[in-house]
Structure formats: C-alpha cells, structure tokens
Amino acid sequence: EVNVDAELIARENDEEGVIDLSNGCICCRL
C-alpha cells in the first residue's frame, strides 16, 4: 500500500518525474 521504493528514490534523487503505482501489479490490475 506504501511504495517504499518510490520513497527511497525520491530521497536519493532530487529530480522530479517519479510516479508511484502502489497496491497492485502492472502486469494485471494496474
């Protein structure tokens, strides 16, 4: 439900353009 990966990358990189798709899988539901 919380995308930890997105938070890690957001902290380590100042660039914008990081989109978080949480609580599902992009090979099916998302």
PDB file of all heavy atoms in Angstrom:
ATOM      1  N   GLU A   1       0.825  -1.197   0.000  1.00  0.00           N
ATOM      2  CA  GLU A   1       0.000   0.000   0.000  1.00  0.00           C
ATOM      3  C   GLU A   1       0.866   1.256   0.000  1.00  0.00           C
ATOM      4  O   GLU A   1       0.453   2.312  -0.450  1.00  0.00           O
ATOM      5  CB  GLU A   1      -0.917  -0.006   1.229  1.00  0.00           C
ATOM      6  CG  GLU A   1      -1.981  -1.098   1.158  1.00  0.00           C
ATOM      7  CD  GLU A   1      -2.946  -1.011   2.317  1.00  0.00           C
ATOM      8  OE1 GLU A   1      -2.779  -0.100   3.156  1.00  0.00           O
ATOM      9  OE2 GLU A   1      -3.864  -1.833   2.387  1.00  0.00           O
ATOM     10  N   VAL A   2       2.073   1.155   0.566  1.00  0.00           N
ATOM     11  CA  VAL A   2       3.024   2.258   0.523  1.00  0.00           C
ATOM     12  C   VAL A   2       4.211   1.802  -0.291  1.00  0.00           C
ATOM     13  O   VAL A   2       4.828   0.779   0.009  1.00  0.00           O
ATOM     14  CB  VAL A   2       3.497   2.657   1.949  1.00  0.00           C
ATOM     15  CG1 VAL A   2       4.541   3.745   1.862  1.00  0.00           C
ATOM     16  CG2 VAL A   2       2.313   3.100   2.784  1.00  0.00           C
ATOM     17  N   ASN A   3       4.528   2.546  -1.331  1.00  0.00           N
ATOM     18  CA  ASN A   3       5.610   2.156  -2.220  1.00  0.00           C
ATOM     19  C   ASN A   3       6.932   2.648  -1.642  1.00  0.00           C
ATOM     20  O   ASN A   3       7.331   3.789  -1.840  1.00  0.00           O
ATOM     21  CB  ASN A   3       5.371   2.741  -3.614  1.00  0.00           C
ATOM     22  CG  ASN A   3       6.345   2.160  -4.633  1.00  0.00           C
ATOM     23  OD1 ASN A   3       7.427   1.709  -4.296  1.00  0.00           O
ATOM     24  ND2 ASN A   3       5.940   2.173  -5.885  1.00  0.00           N
ATOM     25  N   VAL A   4       7.594   1.744  -0.916  1.00  0.00           N
ATOM     26  CA  VAL A   4       8.853   2.108  -0.272  1.00  0.00           C
ATOM     27  C   VAL A   4       9.903   2.457  -1.307  1.00  0.00           C
ATOM     28  O   VAL A   4      10.717   3.363  -1.121  1.00  0.00           O
ATOM     29  CB  VAL A   4       9.338   0.959   0.632  1.00  0.00           C
ATOM     30  CG1 VAL A   4      10.687   1.304   1.256  1.00  0.00           C
ATOM     31  CG2 VAL A   4       8.307   0.670   1.720  1.00  0.00           C
ATOM     32  N   ASP A   5       9.927   1.746  -2.430  1.00  0.00           N
ATOM     33  CA  ASP A   5      10.909   2.024  -3.474  1.00  0.00           C
ATOM     34  C   ASP A   5      10.812   3.469  -3.944  1.00  0.00           C
ATOM     35  O   ASP A   5      11.821   4.148  -4.137  1.00  0.00           O
ATOM     36  CB  ASP A   5      10.693   1.095  -4.667  1.00  0.00           C
ATOM     37  CG  ASP A   5      11.140  -0.333  -4.374  1.00  0.00           C
ATOM     38  OD1 ASP A   5      11.730  -0.528  -3.302  1.00  0.00           O
ATOM     39  OD2 ASP A   5      10.894  -1.211  -5.199  1.00  0.00           O
ATOM     40  N   ALA A   6       9.596   3.947  -4.148  1.00  0.00           N
ATOM     41  CA  ALA A   6       9.412   5.321  -4.603  1.00  0.00           C
ATOM     42  C   ALA A   6       9.953   6.304  -3.579  1.00  0.00           C
ATOM     43  O   ALA A   6      10.568   7.317  -3.927  1.00  0.00           O
ATOM     44  CB  ALA A   6       7.937   5.592  -4.874  1.00  0.00           C
ATOM     45  N   GLU A   7       9.732   6.009  -2.307  1.00  0.00           N
ATOM     46  CA  GLU A   7      10.240   6.900  -1.269  1.00  0.00           C
ATOM     47  C   GLU A   7      11.761   6.912  -1.247  1.00  0.00           C
ATOM     48  O   GLU A   7      12.396   7.963  -1.090  1.00  0.00           O
ATOM     49  CB  GLU A   7       9.691   6.465   0.092  1.00  0.00           C
ATOM     50  CG  GLU A   7       8.175   6.644   0.224  1.00  0.00           C
ATOM     51  CD  GLU A   7       7.661   6.191   1.575  1.00  0.00           C
ATOM     52  OE1 GLU A   7       8.496   5.760   2.396  1.00  0.00           O
ATOM     53  OE2 GLU A   7       6.449   6.281   1.802  1.00  0.00           O
ATOM     54  N   LEU A   8      12.370   5.742  -1.418  1.00  0.00           N
ATOM     55  CA  LEU A   8      13.830   5.672  -1.437  1.00  0.00           C
ATOM     56  C   LEU A   8      14.399   6.484  -2.589  1.00  0.00           C
ATOM     57  O   LEU A   8      15.350   7.264  -2.416  1.00  0.00           O
ATOM     58  CB  LEU A   8      14.284   4.212  -1.566  1.00  0.00           C
ATOM     59  CG  LEU A   8      14.133   3.329  -0.326  1.00  0.00           C
ATOM     60  CD1 LEU A   8      14.430   1.886  -0.689  1.00  0.00           C
ATOM     61  CD2 LEU A   8      15.060   3.806   0.780  1.00  0.00           C
ATOM     62  N   ILE A   9      13.820   6.307  -3.771  1.00  0.00           N
ATOM     63  CA  ILE A   9      14.334   7.016  -4.942  1.00  0.00           C
ATOM     64  C   ILE A   9      14.081   8.509  -4.823  1.00  0.00           C
ATOM     65  O   ILE A   9      14.915   9.324  -5.200  1.00  0.00           O
ATOM     66  CB  ILE A   9      13.714   6.432  -6.218  1.00  0.00           C
ATOM     67  CG1 ILE A   9      14.311   5.040  -6.461  1.00  0.00           C
ATOM     68  CG2 ILE A   9      13.956   7.323  -7.413  1.00  0.00           C
ATOM     69  CD1 ILE A   9      13.736   4.322  -7.634  1.00  0.00           C
ATOM     70  N   ALA A  10      12.934   8.896  -4.283  1.00  0.00           N
ATOM     71  CA  ALA A  10      12.638  10.319  -4.108  1.00  0.00           C
ATOM     72  C   ALA A  10      13.637  10.963  -3.157  1.00  0.00           C
ATOM     73  O   ALA A  10      14.027  12.113  -3.321  1.00  0.00           O
ATOM     74  CB  ALA A  10      11.215  10.498  -3.595  1.00  0.00           C
ATOM     75  N   ARG A  11      14.055  10.212  -2.111  1.00  0.00           N
ATOM     76  CA  ARG A  11      15.026  10.763  -1.169  1.00  0.00           C
ATOM     77  C   ARG A  11      16.405  10.882  -1.790  1.00  0.00           C
ATOM     78  O   ARG A  11      17.138  11.824  -1.542  1.00  0.00           O
ATOM     79  CB  ARG A  11      15.109   9.864   0.076  1.00  0.00           C
ATOM     80  CG  ARG A  11      14.021  10.106   1.096  1.00  0.00           C
ATOM     81  CD  ARG A  11      14.464   9.635   2.466  1.00  0.00           C
ATOM     82  NE  ARG A  11      14.863   8.236   2.470  1.00  0.00           N
ATOM     83  CZ  ARG A  11      14.034   7.233   2.725  1.00  0.00           C
ATOM     84  NH1 ARG A  11      12.768   7.481   2.965  1.00  0.00           N
ATOM     85  NH2 ARG A  11      14.465   5.991   2.730  1.00  0.00           N
ATOM     86  N   GLU A  12      16.770   9.916  -2.603  1.00  0.00           N
ATOM     87  CA  GLU A  12      18.128   9.849  -3.112  1.00  0.00           C
ATOM     88  C   GLU A  12      18.330  10.646  -4.389  1.00  0.00           C
ATOM     89  O   GLU A  12      19.446  10.834  -4.835  1.00  0.00           O
ATOM     90  CB  GLU A  12      18.518   8.382  -3.346  1.00  0.00           C
ATOM     91  CG  GLU A  12      18.560   7.587  -2.052  1.00  0.00           C
ATOM     92  CD  GLU A  12      19.031   6.162  -2.264  1.00  0.00           C
ATOM     93  OE1 GLU A  12      19.701   5.900  -3.275  1.00  0.00           O
ATOM     94  OE2 GLU A  12      18.727   5.308  -1.424  1.00  0.00           O
ATOM     95  N   ASN A  13      17.240  11.105  -4.996  1.00  0.00           N
ATOM     96  CA  ASN A  13      17.332  11.858  -6.238  1.00  0.00           C
ATOM     97  C   ASN A  13      16.421  13.075  -6.167  1.00  0.00           C
ATOM     98  O   ASN A  13      15.247  12.963  -5.828  1.00  0.00           O
ATOM     99  CB  ASN A  13      16.930  10.992  -7.431  1.00  0.00           C
ATOM    100  CG  ASN A  13      17.859   9.805  -7.607  1.00  0.00           C
ATOM    101  OD1 ASN A  13      18.914   9.920  -8.200  1.00  0.00           O
ATOM    102  ND2 ASN A  13      17.454   8.663  -7.059  1.00  0.00           N
ATOM    103  N   ASP A  14      16.966  14.211  -6.474  1.00  0.00           N
ATOM    104  CA  ASP A  14      16.199  15.443  -6.407  1.00  0.00           C
ATOM    105  C   ASP A  14      15.351  15.671  -7.646  1.00  0.00           C
ATOM    106  O   ASP A  14      14.506  16.564  -7.673  1.00  0.00           O
ATOM    107  CB  ASP A  14      17.138  16.644  -6.216  1.00  0.00           C
ATOM    108  CG  ASP A  14      17.863  16.568  -4.873  1.00  0.00           C
ATOM    109  OD1 ASP A  14      17.263  16.010  -3.927  1.00  0.00           O
ATOM    110  OD2 ASP A  14      19.008  17.052  -4.798  1.00  0.00           O
ATOM    111  N   GLU A  15      15.568  14.883  -8.700  1.00  0.00           N
ATOM    112  CA  GLU A  15      14.827  15.082  -9.940  1.00  0.00           C
ATOM    113  C   GLU A  15      13.355  14.761  -9.737  1.00  0.00           C
ATOM    114  O   GLU A  15      12.987  13.857  -8.997  1.00  0.00           O
ATOM    115  CB  GLU A  15      15.388  14.172 -11.041  1.00  0.00           C
ATOM    116  CG  GLU A  15      16.808  14.505 -11.444  1.00  0.00           C
ATOM    117  CD  GLU A  15      16.917  15.827 -12.178  1.00  0.00           C
ATOM    118  OE1 GLU A  15      15.947  16.179 -12.865  1.00  0.00           O
ATOM    119  OE2 GLU A  15      17.947  16.488 -12.040  1.00  0.00           O
ATOM    120  N   GLU A  16      12.504  15.525 -10.410  1.00  0.00           N
ATOM    121  CA  GLU A  16      11.089  15.199 -10.400  1.00  0.00           C
ATOM    122  C   GLU A  16      10.818  14.127 -11.457  1.00  0.00           C
ATOM    123  O   GLU A  16      11.684  13.732 -12.208  1.00  0.00           O
ATOM    124  CB  GLU A  16      10.259  16.445 -10.699  1.00  0.00           C
ATOM    125  CG  GLU A  16      10.417  17.544  -9.673  1.00  0.00           C
ATOM    126  CD  GLU A  16       9.634  18.782 -10.062  1.00  0.00           C
ATOM    127  OE1 GLU A  16       9.012  18.767 -11.135  1.00  0.00           O
ATOM    128  OE2 GLU A  16       9.645  19.742  -9.302  1.00  0.00           O
ATOM    129  N   GLY A  17       9.579  13.671 -11.517  1.00  0.00           N
ATOM    130  CA  GLY A  17       9.224  12.709 -12.544  1.00  0.00           C
ATOM    131  C   GLY A  17       9.266  11.283 -12.070  1.00  0.00           C
ATOM    132  O   GLY A  17       9.462  10.368 -12.868  1.00  0.00           O
ATOM    133  N   VAL A  18       9.075  11.056 -10.758  1.00  0.00           N
ATOM    134  CA  VAL A  18       8.970   9.717 -10.218  1.00  0.00           C
ATOM    135  C   VAL A  18       7.511   9.459  -9.886  1.00  0.00           C
ATOM    136  O   VAL A  18       6.921  10.140  -9.055  1.00  0.00           O
ATOM    137  CB  VAL A  18       9.838   9.531  -8.959  1.00  0.00           C
ATOM    138  CG1 VAL A  18       9.630   8.132  -8.370  1.00  0.00           C
ATOM    139  CG2 VAL A  18      11.305   9.747  -9.284  1.00  0.00           C
ATOM    140  N   ILE A  19       6.895   8.484 -10.564  1.00  0.00           N
ATOM    141  CA  ILE A  19       5.491   8.159 -10.359  1.00  0.00           C
ATOM    142  C   ILE A  19       5.388   6.850  -9.593  1.00  0.00           C
ATOM    143  O   ILE A  19       6.067   5.869  -9.908  1.00  0.00           O
ATOM    144  CB  ILE A  19       4.748   8.022 -11.701  1.00  0.00           C
ATOM    145  CG1 ILE A  19       4.771   9.353 -12.449  1.00  0.00           C
ATOM    146  CG2 ILE A  19       3.313   7.549 -11.501  1.00  0.00           C
ATOM    147  CD1 ILE A  19       4.019  10.467 -11.741  1.00  0.00           C
ATOM    148  N   ASP A  20       4.509   6.841  -8.583  1.00  0.00           N
ATOM    149  CA  ASP A  20       4.339   5.716  -7.695  1.00  0.00           C
ATOM    150  C   ASP A  20       3.026   5.007  -8.005  1.00  0.00           C
ATOM    151  O   ASP A  20       1.952   5.592  -7.904  1.00  0.00           O
ATOM    152  CB  ASP A  20       4.352   6.260  -6.252  1.00  0.00           C
ATOM    153  CG  ASP A  20       3.955   5.234  -5.214  1.00  0.00           C
ATOM    154  OD1 ASP A  20       3.845   4.056  -5.557  1.00  0.00           O
ATOM    155  OD2 ASP A  20       3.755   5.630  -4.053  1.00  0.00           O
ATOM    156  N   LEU A  21       3.102   3.740  -8.451  1.00  0.00           N
ATOM    157  CA  LEU A  21       1.907   2.915  -8.648  1.00  0.00           C
ATOM    158  C   LEU A  21       1.914   1.835  -7.575  1.00  0.00           C
ATOM    159  O   LEU A  21       2.686   0.879  -7.661  1.00  0.00           O
ATOM    160  CB  LEU A  21       1.903   2.277 -10.034  1.00  0.00           C
ATOM    161  CG  LEU A  21       1.720   3.206 -11.227  1.00  0.00           C
ATOM    162  CD1 LEU A  21       1.785   2.404 -12.517  1.00  0.00           C
ATOM    163  CD2 LEU A  21       0.396   3.936 -11.144  1.00  0.00           C
ATOM    164  N   SER A  22       1.073   1.998  -6.544  1.00  0.00           N
ATOM    165  CA  SER A  22       1.107   1.102  -5.403  1.00  0.00           C
ATOM    166  C   SER A  22      -0.120   0.218  -5.332  1.00  0.00           C
ATOM    167  O   SER A  22      -1.126   0.452  -5.994  1.00  0.00           O
ATOM    168  CB  SER A  22       1.216   1.917  -4.098  1.00  0.00           C
ATOM    169  OG  SER A  22       2.402   2.668  -4.073  1.00  0.00           O
ATOM    170  N   ASN A  23      -0.005  -0.797  -4.484  1.00  0.00           N
ATOM    171  CA  ASN A  23      -1.138  -1.655  -4.127  1.00  0.00           C
ATOM    172  C   ASN A  23      -1.728  -2.366  -5.346  1.00  0.00           C
ATOM    173  O   ASN A  23      -2.933  -2.394  -5.538  1.00  0.00           O
ATOM    174  CB  ASN A  23      -2.225  -0.853  -3.407  1.00  0.00           C
ATOM    175  CG  ASN A  23      -3.086  -1.741  -2.534  1.00  0.00           C
ATOM    176  OD1 ASN A  23      -2.649  -2.817  -2.153  1.00  0.00           O
ATOM    177  ND2 ASN A  23      -4.283  -1.293  -2.243  1.00  0.00           N
ATOM    178  N   GLY A  24      -0.873  -2.924  -6.140  1.00  0.00           N
ATOM    179  CA  GLY A  24      -1.321  -3.666  -7.315  1.00  0.00           C
ATOM    180  C   GLY A  24      -0.135  -3.980  -8.186  1.00  0.00           C
ATOM    181  O   GLY A  24       0.992  -3.588  -7.896  1.00  0.00           O
ATOM    182  N   CYS A  25      -0.388  -4.693  -9.265  1.00  0.00           N
ATOM    183  CA  CYS A  25       0.680  -5.159 -10.134  1.00  0.00           C
ATOM    184  C   CYS A  25       0.441  -4.681 -11.555  1.00  0.00           C
ATOM    185  O   CYS A  25      -0.655  -4.845 -12.088  1.00  0.00           O
ATOM    186  CB  CYS A  25       0.742  -6.687 -10.076  1.00  0.00           C
ATOM    187  SG  CYS A  25       2.026  -7.399 -11.099  1.00  0.00           S
ATOM    188  N   ILE A  26       1.456  -4.099 -12.181  1.00  0.00           N
ATOM    189  CA  ILE A  26       1.265  -3.527 -13.517  1.00  0.00           C
ATOM    190  C   ILE A  26       1.176  -4.590 -14.595  1.00  0.00           C
ATOM    191  O   ILE A  26       0.894  -4.271 -15.745  1.00  0.00           O
ATOM    192  CB  ILE A  26       2.390  -2.522 -13.888  1.00  0.00           C
ATOM    193  CG1 ILE A  26       3.766  -3.189 -13.852  1.00  0.00           C
ATOM    194  CG2 ILE A  26       2.331  -1.311 -13.001  1.00  0.00           C
ATOM    195  CD1 ILE A  26       4.885  -2.296 -14.355  1.00  0.00           C
ATOM    196  N   CYS A  27       1.393  -5.861 -14.245  1.00  0.00           N
ATOM    197  CA  CYS A  27       1.215  -6.894 -15.267  1.00  0.00           C
ATOM    198  C   CYS A  27      -0.237  -7.343 -15.340  1.00  0.00           C
ATOM    199  O   CYS A  27      -0.602  -8.116 -16.209  1.00  0.00           O
ATOM    200  CB  CYS A  27       2.133  -8.099 -15.020  1.00  0.00           C
ATOM    201  SG  CYS A  27       1.628  -9.205 -13.695  1.00  0.00           S
ATOM    202  N   CYS A  28      -1.089  -6.838 -14.443  1.00  0.00           N
ATOM    203  CA  CYS A  28      -2.502  -7.238 -14.489  1.00  0.00           C
ATOM    204  C   CYS A  28      -3.383  -6.059 -14.086  1.00  0.00           C
ATOM    205  O   CYS A  28      -3.800  -5.267 -14.927  1.00  0.00           O
ATOM    206  CB  CYS A  28      -2.754  -8.468 -13.612  1.00  0.00           C
ATOM    207  SG  CYS A  28      -2.012  -8.388 -11.967  1.00  0.00           S
ATOM    208  N   ARG A  29      -3.641  -5.874 -12.774  1.00  0.00           N
ATOM    209  CA  ARG A  29      -4.665  -4.937 -12.327  1.00  0.00           C
ATOM    210  C   ARG A  29      -4.333  -3.483 -12.632  1.00  0.00           C
ATOM    211  O   ARG A  29      -5.230  -2.650 -12.841  1.00  0.00           O
ATOM    212  CB  ARG A  29      -4.889  -5.116 -10.810  1.00  0.00           C
ATOM    213  CG  ARG A  29      -6.035  -4.332 -10.246  1.00  0.00           C
ATOM    214  CD  ARG A  29      -6.554  -4.993  -8.997  1.00  0.00           C
ATOM    215  NE  ARG A  29      -5.567  -5.083  -7.944  1.00  0.00           N
ATOM    216  CZ  ARG A  29      -5.413  -4.175  -6.985  1.00  0.00           C
ATOM    217  NH1 ARG A  29      -6.159  -3.097  -6.984  1.00  0.00           N
ATOM    218  NH2 ARG A  29      -4.520  -4.339  -6.039  1.00  0.00           N
ATOM    219  N   LEU A  30      -3.059  -3.135 -12.662  1.00  0.00           N
ATOM    220  CA  LEU A  30      -2.681  -1.727 -12.838  1.00  0.00           C
ATOM    221  C   LEU A  30      -2.180  -1.410 -14.246  1.00  0.00           C
ATOM    222  O   LEU A  30      -1.553  -0.376 -14.453  1.00  0.00           O
ATOM    223  CB  LEU A  30      -1.597  -1.338 -11.814  1.00  0.00           C
ATOM    224  CG  LEU A  30      -2.018  -1.351 -10.342  1.00  0.00           C
ATOM    225  CD1 LEU A  30      -0.887  -0.841  -9.478  1.00  0.00           C
ATOM    226  CD2 LEU A  30      -3.269  -0.516 -10.108  1.00  0.00           C
TER     227      LEU A  30
END
